[in-house]
C-alpha atoms as a PDB file:
ATOM      1  CA  MET A   1       0.000   0.000   0.000  1.00  0.00           C
ATOM      2  CA  THR A   2       1.376   3.411  -0.978  1.00  0.00           C
ATOM      3  CA  ALA A   3       1.341   6.470   1.259  1.00  0.00           C
ATOM      4  CA  SER A   4      -1.423   7.883  -0.924  1.00  0.00           C
ATOM      5  CA  ASP A   5      -3.512   4.719  -0.561  1.00  0.00           C
ATOM      6  CA  SER A   6      -3.003   4.779   3.188  1.00  0.00           C
ATOM      7  CA  SER A   7      -4.078   8.416   3.350  1.00  0.00           C
ATOM      8  CA  ASP A   8      -7.195   7.714   1.274  1.00  0.00           C
ATOM      9  CA  SER A   9      -8.058   4.753   3.464  1.00  0.00           C
ATOM     10  CA  SER A  10      -7.631   6.841   6.634  1.00  0.00           C
ATOM     11  CA  ALA A  11      -9.829   9.604   5.186  1.00  0.00           C
ATOM     12  CA  GLU A  12     -12.532   7.088   4.258  1.00  0.00           C
ATOM     13  CA  THR A  13     -12.391   5.607   7.756  1.00  0.00           C
ATOM     14  CA  ARG A  14     -12.806   9.045   9.327  1.00  0.00           C
ATOM     15  CA  VAL A  15     -15.804   9.816   7.114  1.00  0.00           C
ATOM     16  CA  ALA A  16     -17.334   6.456   8.060  1.00  0.00           C
ATOM     17  CA  ILE A  17     -16.805   7.259  11.756  1.00  0.00           C
ATOM     18  CA  MET A  18     -18.380  10.702  11.300  1.00  0.00           C
ATOM     19  CA  GLU A  19     -21.454   9.242   9.598  1.00  0.00           C
ATOM     20  CA  ALA A  20     -21.740   6.565  12.290  1.00  0.00           C
ATOM     21  CA  THR A  21     -21.499   9.272  14.962  1.00  0.00           C
ATOM     22  CA  PHE A  22     -24.335  11.155  13.271  1.00  0.00           C
ATOM     23  CA  ARG A  23     -26.554   8.079  13.401  1.00  0.00           C
ATOM     24  CA  ALA A  24     -25.612   7.215  16.988  1.00  0.00           C
ATOM     25  CA  LEU A  25     -26.274  10.772  18.181  1.00  0.00           C
ATOM     26  CA  SER A  26     -29.631  10.753  16.419  1.00  0.00           C
ATOM     27  CA  LYS A  27     -30.618   7.619  18.328  1.00  0.00           C
ATOM     28  CA  HIS A  28     -29.098   8.290  21.756  1.00  0.00           C
ATOM     29  CA  GLY A  29     -28.541  12.045  22.064  1.00  0.00           C
ATOM     30  CA  TYR A  30     -25.337  13.707  23.224  1.00  0.00           C
ATOM     31  CA  SER A  31     -25.693  13.064  26.964  1.00  0.00           C
ATOM     32  CA  GLU A  32     -26.337   9.325  26.524  1.00  0.00           C
ATOM     33  CA  LEU A  33     -23.865   8.702  23.694  1.00  0.00           C
ATOM     34  CA  ARG A  34     -21.153   6.108  24.310  1.00  0.00           C
ATOM     35  CA  MET A  35     -18.249   5.187  22.078  1.00  0.00           C
ATOM     36  CA  ARG A  36     -19.572   1.657  21.750  1.00  0.00           C
ATOM     37  CA  ASP A  37     -22.823   3.057  20.298  1.00  0.00           C
ATOM     38  CA  ILE A  38     -20.775   4.480  17.443  1.00  0.00           C
ATOM     39  CA  GLY A  39     -18.900   1.195  17.085  1.00  0.00           C
ATOM     40  CA  GLN A  40     -22.199  -0.651  16.733  1.00  0.00           C
ATOM     41  CA  GLU A  41     -23.241   1.662  13.894  1.00  0.00           C
ATOM     42  CA  LEU A  42     -19.973   0.839  12.133  1.00  0.00           C
ATOM     43  CA  ASP A  43     -19.838  -2.783  13.250  1.00  0.00           C
ATOM     44  CA  VAL A  44     -16.226  -2.266  14.357  1.00  0.00           C
ATOM     45  CA  SER A  45     -14.427  -2.364  17.686  1.00  0.00           C
ATOM     46  CA  ARG A  46     -14.091   0.750  19.825  1.00  0.00           C
ATOM     47  CA  SER A  47     -10.317   0.463  19.481  1.00  0.00           C
ATOM     48  CA  LEU A  48     -10.539   1.602  15.854  1.00  0.00           C
ATOM     49  CA  ILE A  49     -12.417   4.739  16.879  1.00  0.00           C
ATOM     50  CA  HIS A  50      -9.980   5.424  19.739  1.00  0.00           C
ATOM     51  CA  TYR A  51      -7.129   5.040  17.244  1.00  0.00           C
ATOM     52  CA  HIS A  52      -8.402   8.125  15.402  1.00  0.00           C
ATOM     53  CA  TYR A  53      -9.950  10.093  18.301  1.00  0.00           C
ATOM     54  CA  GLU A  54      -8.901  10.442  21.923  1.00  0.00           C
ATOM     55  CA  GLY A  55     -12.400  10.269  23.326  1.00  0.00           C
ATOM     56  CA  LYS A  56     -15.993  11.430  23.103  1.00  0.00           C
ATOM     57  CA  HIS A  57     -15.249  15.165  23.315  1.00  0.00           C
ATOM     58  CA  ASP A  58     -12.520  14.955  20.683  1.00  0.00           C
ATOM     59  CA  LEU A  59     -14.844  12.967  18.421  1.00  0.00           C
ATOM     60  CA  ILE A  60     -17.739  15.433  18.787  1.00  0.00           C
ATOM     61  CA  SER A  61     -15.417  18.353  18.057  1.00  0.00           C
ATOM     62  CA  ALA A  62     -14.340  16.592  14.867  1.00  0.00           C
ATOM     63  CA  LEU A  63     -18.001  15.974  13.978  1.00  0.00           C
ATOM     64  CA  LEU A  64     -18.803  19.681  14.295  1.00  0.00           C
ATOM     65  CA  GLU A  65     -15.932  20.528  11.944  1.00  0.00           C
ATOM     66  CA  TYR A  66     -17.253  17.871   9.567  1.00  0.00           C
ATOM     67  CA  ILE A  67     -20.723  19.455   9.596  1.00  0.00           C
ATOM     68  CA  VAL A  68     -19.259  22.892   8.857  1.00  0.00           C
ATOM     69  CA  ASP A  69     -17.369  21.527   5.856  1.00  0.00           C
ATOM     70  CA  GLN A  70     -20.460  19.724   4.548  1.00  0.00           C
ATOM     71  CA  TYR A  71     -22.562  22.857   4.531  1.00  0.00           C
ATOM     72  CA  GLU A  72     -20.094  25.628   3.838  1.00  0.00           C
ATOM     73  CA  GLY A  73     -17.747  23.746   1.529  1.00  0.00           C
ATOM     74  CA  SER A  74     -20.349  22.282  -0.813  1.00  0.00           C
ATOM     75  CA  VAL A  75     -21.904  25.523  -2.116  1.00  0.00           C
ATOM     76  CA  GLU A  76     -21.104  25.479  -5.822  1.00  0.00           C
ATOM     77  CA  VAL A  77     -20.128  28.893  -7.160  1.00  0.00           C
ATOM     78  CA  THR A  78     -17.697  30.117  -9.801  1.00  0.00           C
ATOM     79  CA  GLU A  79     -16.251  33.494 -10.705  1.00  0.00           C
ATOM     80  CA  GLU A  80     -19.100  33.863 -13.206  1.00  0.00           C
ATOM     81  CA  THR A  81     -21.821  33.303 -10.575  1.00  0.00           C
ATOM     82  CA  ASP A  82     -23.687  36.572 -10.079  1.00  0.00           C
ATOM     83  CA  PRO A  83     -24.287  37.869  -6.506  1.00  0.00           C
ATOM     84  CA  TRP A  84     -28.054  37.204  -6.585  1.00  0.00           C
ATOM     85  CA  SER A  85     -27.549  33.556  -7.577  1.00  0.00           C
ATOM     86  CA  GLU A  86     -24.811  32.982  -5.028  1.00  0.00           C
ATOM     87  CA  LEU A  87     -26.842  34.569  -2.252  1.00  0.00           C
ATOM     88  CA  ASP A  88     -29.819  32.362  -3.131  1.00  0.00           C
ATOM     89  CA  ARG A  89     -27.655  29.236  -3.126  1.00  0.00           C
ATOM     90  CA  ARG A  90     -26.078  30.008   0.237  1.00  0.00           C
ATOM     91  CA  ILE A  91     -29.432  30.731   1.886  1.00  0.00           C
ATOM     92  CA  ASP A  92     -31.022  27.586   0.415  1.00  0.00           C
ATOM     93  CA  GLN A  93     -27.998  25.513   1.447  1.00  0.00           C
ATOM     94  CA  CYS A  94     -28.358  26.564   5.078  1.00  0.00           C
ATOM     95  CA  LEU A  95     -32.144  26.215   5.167  1.00  0.00           C
ATOM     96  CA  PHE A  96     -32.666  23.094   3.083  1.00  0.00           C
ATOM     97  CA  GLY A  97     -29.207  21.510   2.968  1.00  0.00           C
ATOM     98  CA  PRO A  98     -27.066  20.016   0.226  1.00  0.00           C
ATOM     99  CA  GLY A  99     -28.017  16.696  -1.314  1.00  0.00           C
ATOM    100  CA  PHE A 100     -27.638  13.830   1.160  1.00  0.00           C
ATOM    101  CA  ASP A 101     -28.546  10.171   1.186  1.00  0.00           C
ATOM    102  CA  GLU A 102     -32.274  10.074   1.929  1.00  0.00           C
ATOM    103  CA  GLU A 103     -31.654   7.542   4.694  1.00  0.00           C
ATOM    104  CA  PHE A 104     -29.956  10.228   6.794  1.00  0.00           C
ATOM    105  CA  GLY A 105     -30.743  13.548   5.216  1.00  0.00           C
ATOM    106  CA  HIS A 106     -30.552  17.233   5.994  1.00  0.00           C
ATOM    107  CA  TRP A 107     -33.103  17.416   8.811  1.00  0.00           C
ATOM    108  CA  GLU A 108     -31.750  14.348  10.596  1.00  0.00           C
ATOM    109  CA  ARG A 109     -28.345  16.054  10.537  1.00  0.00           C
ATOM    110  CA  MET A 110     -29.798  19.373  11.664  1.00  0.00           C
ATOM    111  CA  ARG A 111     -31.478  17.703  14.661  1.00  0.00           C
ATOM    112  CA  VAL A 112     -28.074  16.396  15.736  1.00  0.00           C
ATOM    113  CA  TYR A 113     -26.489  19.792  15.062  1.00  0.00           C
ATOM    114  CA  HIS A 114     -29.054  21.686  17.139  1.00  0.00           C
ATOM    115  CA  ASP A 115     -28.844  19.131  19.949  1.00  0.00           C
ATOM    116  CA  LEU A 116     -25.091  19.763  20.121  1.00  0.00           C
ATOM    117  CA  PHE A 117     -25.710  23.514  19.828  1.00  0.00           C
ATOM    118  CA  SER A 118     -27.928  23.413  22.923  1.00  0.00           C
ATOM    119  CA  GLN A 119     -25.097  21.700  24.857  1.00  0.00           C
ATOM    120  CA  ALA A 120     -22.375  24.143  23.731  1.00  0.00           C
ATOM    121  CA  GLN A 121     -22.805  26.363  26.793  1.00  0.00           C
ATOM    122  CA  HIS A 122     -21.160  23.581  28.805  1.00  0.00           C
ATOM    123  CA  ASN A 123     -18.187  23.062  26.470  1.00  0.00           C
ATOM    124  CA  GLU A 124     -15.835  25.918  25.544  1.00  0.00           C
ATOM    125  CA  ARG A 125     -14.245  23.976  22.677  1.00  0.00           C
ATOM    126  CA  HIS A 126     -17.624  23.353  21.097  1.00  0.00           C
ATOM    127  CA  GLN A 127     -18.541  27.000  21.613  1.00  0.00           C
ATOM    128  CA  GLU A 128     -15.434  27.977  19.677  1.00  0.00           C
ATOM    129  CA  ILE A 129     -16.336  25.660  16.786  1.00  0.00           C
ATOM    130  CA  PHE A 130     -19.935  26.903  16.640  1.00  0.00           C
ATOM    131  CA  ASN A 131     -18.701  30.492  16.707  1.00  0.00           C
ATOM    132  CA  ARG A 132     -16.298  29.749  13.850  1.00  0.00           C
ATOM    133  CA  HIS A 133     -19.135  28.127  11.917  1.00  0.00           C
ATOM    134  CA  TYR A 134     -21.373  31.145  12.497  1.00  0.00           C
ATOM    135  CA  ASP A 135     -18.570  33.485  11.438  1.00  0.00           C
ATOM    136  CA  ARG A 136     -17.923  31.467   8.278  1.00  0.00           C
ATOM    137  CA  ILE A 137     -21.572  31.412   7.242  1.00  0.00           C
ATOM    138  CA  ARG A 138     -22.110  35.087   8.058  1.00  0.00           C
ATOM    139  CA  GLY A 139     -18.762  35.983   6.479  1.00  0.00           C
ATOM    140  CA  SER A 140     -19.548  34.236   3.205  1.00  0.00           C
ATOM    141  CA  ILE A 141     -22.925  36.009   2.972  1.00  0.00           C
ATOM    142  CA  THR A 142     -21.266  39.333   3.858  1.00  0.00           C
ATOM    143  CA  GLN A 143     -18.754  38.888   1.031  1.00  0.00           C
ATOM    144  CA  VAL A 144     -21.503  38.199  -1.507  1.00  0.00           C
ATOM    145  CA  ILE A 145     -23.437  41.293  -0.451  1.00  0.00           C
ATOM    146  CA  GLU A 146     -20.280  43.422  -0.552  1.00  0.00           C
ATOM    147  CA  ARG A 147     -19.509  42.147  -4.056  1.00  0.00           C
ATOM    148  CA  GLY A 148     -23.036  42.963  -5.169  1.00  0.00           C
ATOM    149  CA  ILE A 149     -22.664  46.501  -3.808  1.00  0.00           C
ATOM    150  CA  GLU A 150     -19.318  46.972  -5.539  1.00  0.00           C
ATOM    151  CA  ASP A 151     -20.800  45.732  -8.829  1.00  0.00           C
ATOM    152  CA  GLY A 152     -23.711  48.142  -8.523  1.00  0.00           C
ATOM    153  CA  ILE A 153     -26.229  45.288  -8.316  1.00  0.00           C
ATOM    154  CA  PHE A 154     -27.172  45.884  -4.666  1.00  0.00           C
ATOM    155  CA  ARG A 155     -27.735  49.267  -3.079  1.00  0.00           C
ATOM    156  CA  ALA A 156     -25.369  50.390  -0.321  1.00  0.00           C
ATOM    157  CA  VAL A 157     -26.253  48.683   2.980  1.00  0.00           C
ATOM    158  CA  ASP A 158     -24.343  47.506   6.045  1.00  0.00           C
ATOM    159  CA  ALA A 159     -23.325  44.118   4.623  1.00  0.00           C
ATOM    160  CA  GLU A 160     -22.338  42.631   7.993  1.00  0.00           C
ATOM    161  CA  GLU A 161     -25.625  43.544   9.675  1.00  0.00           C
ATOM    162  CA  MET A 162     -27.610  42.252   6.685  1.00  0.00           C
ATOM    163  CA  ALA A 163     -25.664  38.970   6.744  1.00  0.00           C
ATOM    164  CA  GLN A 164     -26.206  38.609  10.486  1.00  0.00           C
ATOM    165  CA  LEU A 165     -29.961  39.119  10.064  1.00  0.00           C
ATOM    166  CA  ILE A 166     -30.085  36.445   7.336  1.00  0.00           C
ATOM    167  CA  THR A 167     -27.964  33.979   9.336  1.00  0.00           C
ATOM    168  CA  ASP A 168     -30.014  34.434  12.520  1.00  0.00           C
ATOM    169  CA  SER A 169     -33.276  34.088  10.573  1.00  0.00           C
ATOM    170  CA  ILE A 170     -32.107  30.767   9.126  1.00  0.00           C
ATOM    171  CA  HIS A 171     -31.186  29.450  12.576  1.00  0.00           C
ATOM    172  CA  VAL A 172     -34.558  30.451  14.060  1.00  0.00           C
ATOM    173  CA  ALA A 173     -36.456  28.765  11.204  1.00  0.00           C
ATOM    174  CA  ARG A 174     -34.541  25.524  11.727  1.00  0.00           C
ATOM    175  CA  GLU A 175     -35.233  25.642  15.476  1.00  0.00           C
ATOM    176  CA  ARG A 176     -38.956  26.192  14.859  1.00  0.00           C
ATOM    177  CA  LYS A 177     -39.096  23.088  12.669  1.00  0.00           C
ATOM    178  CA  ILE A 178     -36.897  20.891  14.856  1.00  0.00           C
ATOM    179  CA  SER A 179     -37.965  21.926  18.369  1.00  0.00           C
ATOM    180  CA  LEU A 180     -41.565  23.027  17.802  1.00  0.00           C
ATOM    181  CA  GLY A 181     -42.537  20.709  14.955  1.00  0.00           C
ATOM    182  CA  GLN A 182     -43.441  23.623  12.668  1.00  0.00           C
ATOM    183  CA  ASP A 183     -42.628  21.917   9.381  1.00  0.00           C
ATOM    184  CA  GLU A 184     -43.598  24.959   7.338  1.00  0.00           C
ATOM    185  CA  ALA A 185     -41.036  27.213   9.095  1.00  0.00           C
ATOM    186  CA  PRO A 186     -38.148  26.916   6.566  1.00  0.00           C
ATOM    187  CA  GLU A 187     -40.349  27.720   3.567  1.00  0.00           C
ATOM    188  CA  GLN A 188     -42.023  30.566   5.456  1.00  0.00           C
ATOM    189  CA  MET A 189     -38.653  32.029   6.389  1.00  0.00           C
ATOM    190  CA  ARG A 190     -37.367  31.682   2.836  1.00  0.00           C
ATOM    191  CA  HIS A 191     -40.340  33.703   1.573  1.00  0.00           C
ATOM    192  CA  ALA A 192     -39.887  36.286   4.356  1.00  0.00           C
ATOM    193  CA  ILE A 193     -36.177  36.691   3.565  1.00  0.00           C
ATOM    194  CA  ASP A 194     -37.056  37.279  -0.104  1.00  0.00           C
ATOM    195  CA  ALA A 195     -39.886  39.700   0.622  1.00  0.00           C
ATOM    196  CA  PHE A 196     -38.475  41.755   3.475  1.00  0.00           C
ATOM    197  CA  VAL A 197     -34.694  41.306   3.499  1.00  0.00           C
ATOM    198  CA  LEU A 198     -33.391  40.679  -0.006  1.00  0.00           C
ATOM    199  CA  SER A 199     -35.877  43.129  -1.483  1.00  0.00           C
ATOM    200  CA  SER A 200     -34.170  45.861   0.554  1.00  0.00           C
ATOM    201  CA  LEU A 201     -30.957  45.251  -1.401  1.00  0.00           C
ATOM    202  CA  VAL A 202     -32.615  46.793  -4.433  1.00  0.00           C
ATOM    203  CA  ASP A 203     -32.882  50.565  -4.758  1.00  0.00           C
ATOM    204  CA  PRO A 204     -36.593  51.412  -4.213  1.00  0.00           C
ATOM    205  CA  GLU A 205     -36.496  53.813  -7.170  1.00  0.00           C
ATOM    206  CA  SER A 206     -35.310  50.961  -9.397  1.00  0.00           C
ATOM    207  CA  VAL A 207     -38.236  48.820  -8.231  1.00  0.00           C
ATOM    208  CA  VAL A 208     -40.727  51.611  -9.018  1.00  0.00           C
ATOM    209  CA  THR A 209     -39.172  52.112 -12.452  1.00  0.00           C
ATOM    210  CA  LEU A 210     -39.336  48.383 -13.151  1.00  0.00           C
ATOM    211  CA  MET A 211     -42.995  48.200 -12.051  1.00  0.00           C
ATOM    212  CA  LYS A 212     -43.901  51.161 -14.305  1.00  0.00           C
ATOM    213  CA  SER A 213     -42.087  49.553 -17.224  1.00  0.00           C
ATOM    214  CA  ASN A 214     -43.928  46.262 -16.683  1.00  0.00           C
ATOM    215  CA  ARG A 215     -47.319  48.028 -16.530  1.00  0.00           C
ATOM    216  CA  GLU A 216     -46.595  49.943 -19.744  1.00  0.00           C
ATOM    217  CA  THR A 217     -45.529  46.745 -21.493  1.00  0.00           C
ATOM    218  CA  ASN A 218     -48.680  44.946 -20.402  1.00  0.00           C
END
């Protein structure tokens, strides 16, 4: 086996452990989770998991980083992607998730994520990871808005405050669905973001001009 093969094998093993941890957390919750529960999901001995991770806290920290990469790293954009399209993709990614195996999809993962989020007050390391995740999501949205302003597509606004409002709105919608069983919350929030937040990125005078033009055409 070459060094490259060994590296690929190790990466595959880590992904398998992460996915098994997702499933085990979904079944048992954070407080009741044991390393052997993860081993049972993988059908491997606990020694293999301990080979890669020192313990439960180390493993959960790695899982949080894995979640961040899944959501932030899988938004497909290119240099040609216009700011409106990129903003839409990033909002939809956070609200509705990237494509996952239907057996353990976006909302199953989000339930695990929000369970860990609720426990973060008791773990400084997890707080740091969640804060980095929040900063990455908000930062990526801020950059898109700033680019749109520079290109003259969006009107001048405080990009950081706008991005924070969008990010917080997404989190609240997910909590409403997960904790309160309000299944319509994500779609409702998506419509609200379009109607009351993203619409404010357009110069009101431009909207009036467009509406007049449409009426004259019709």
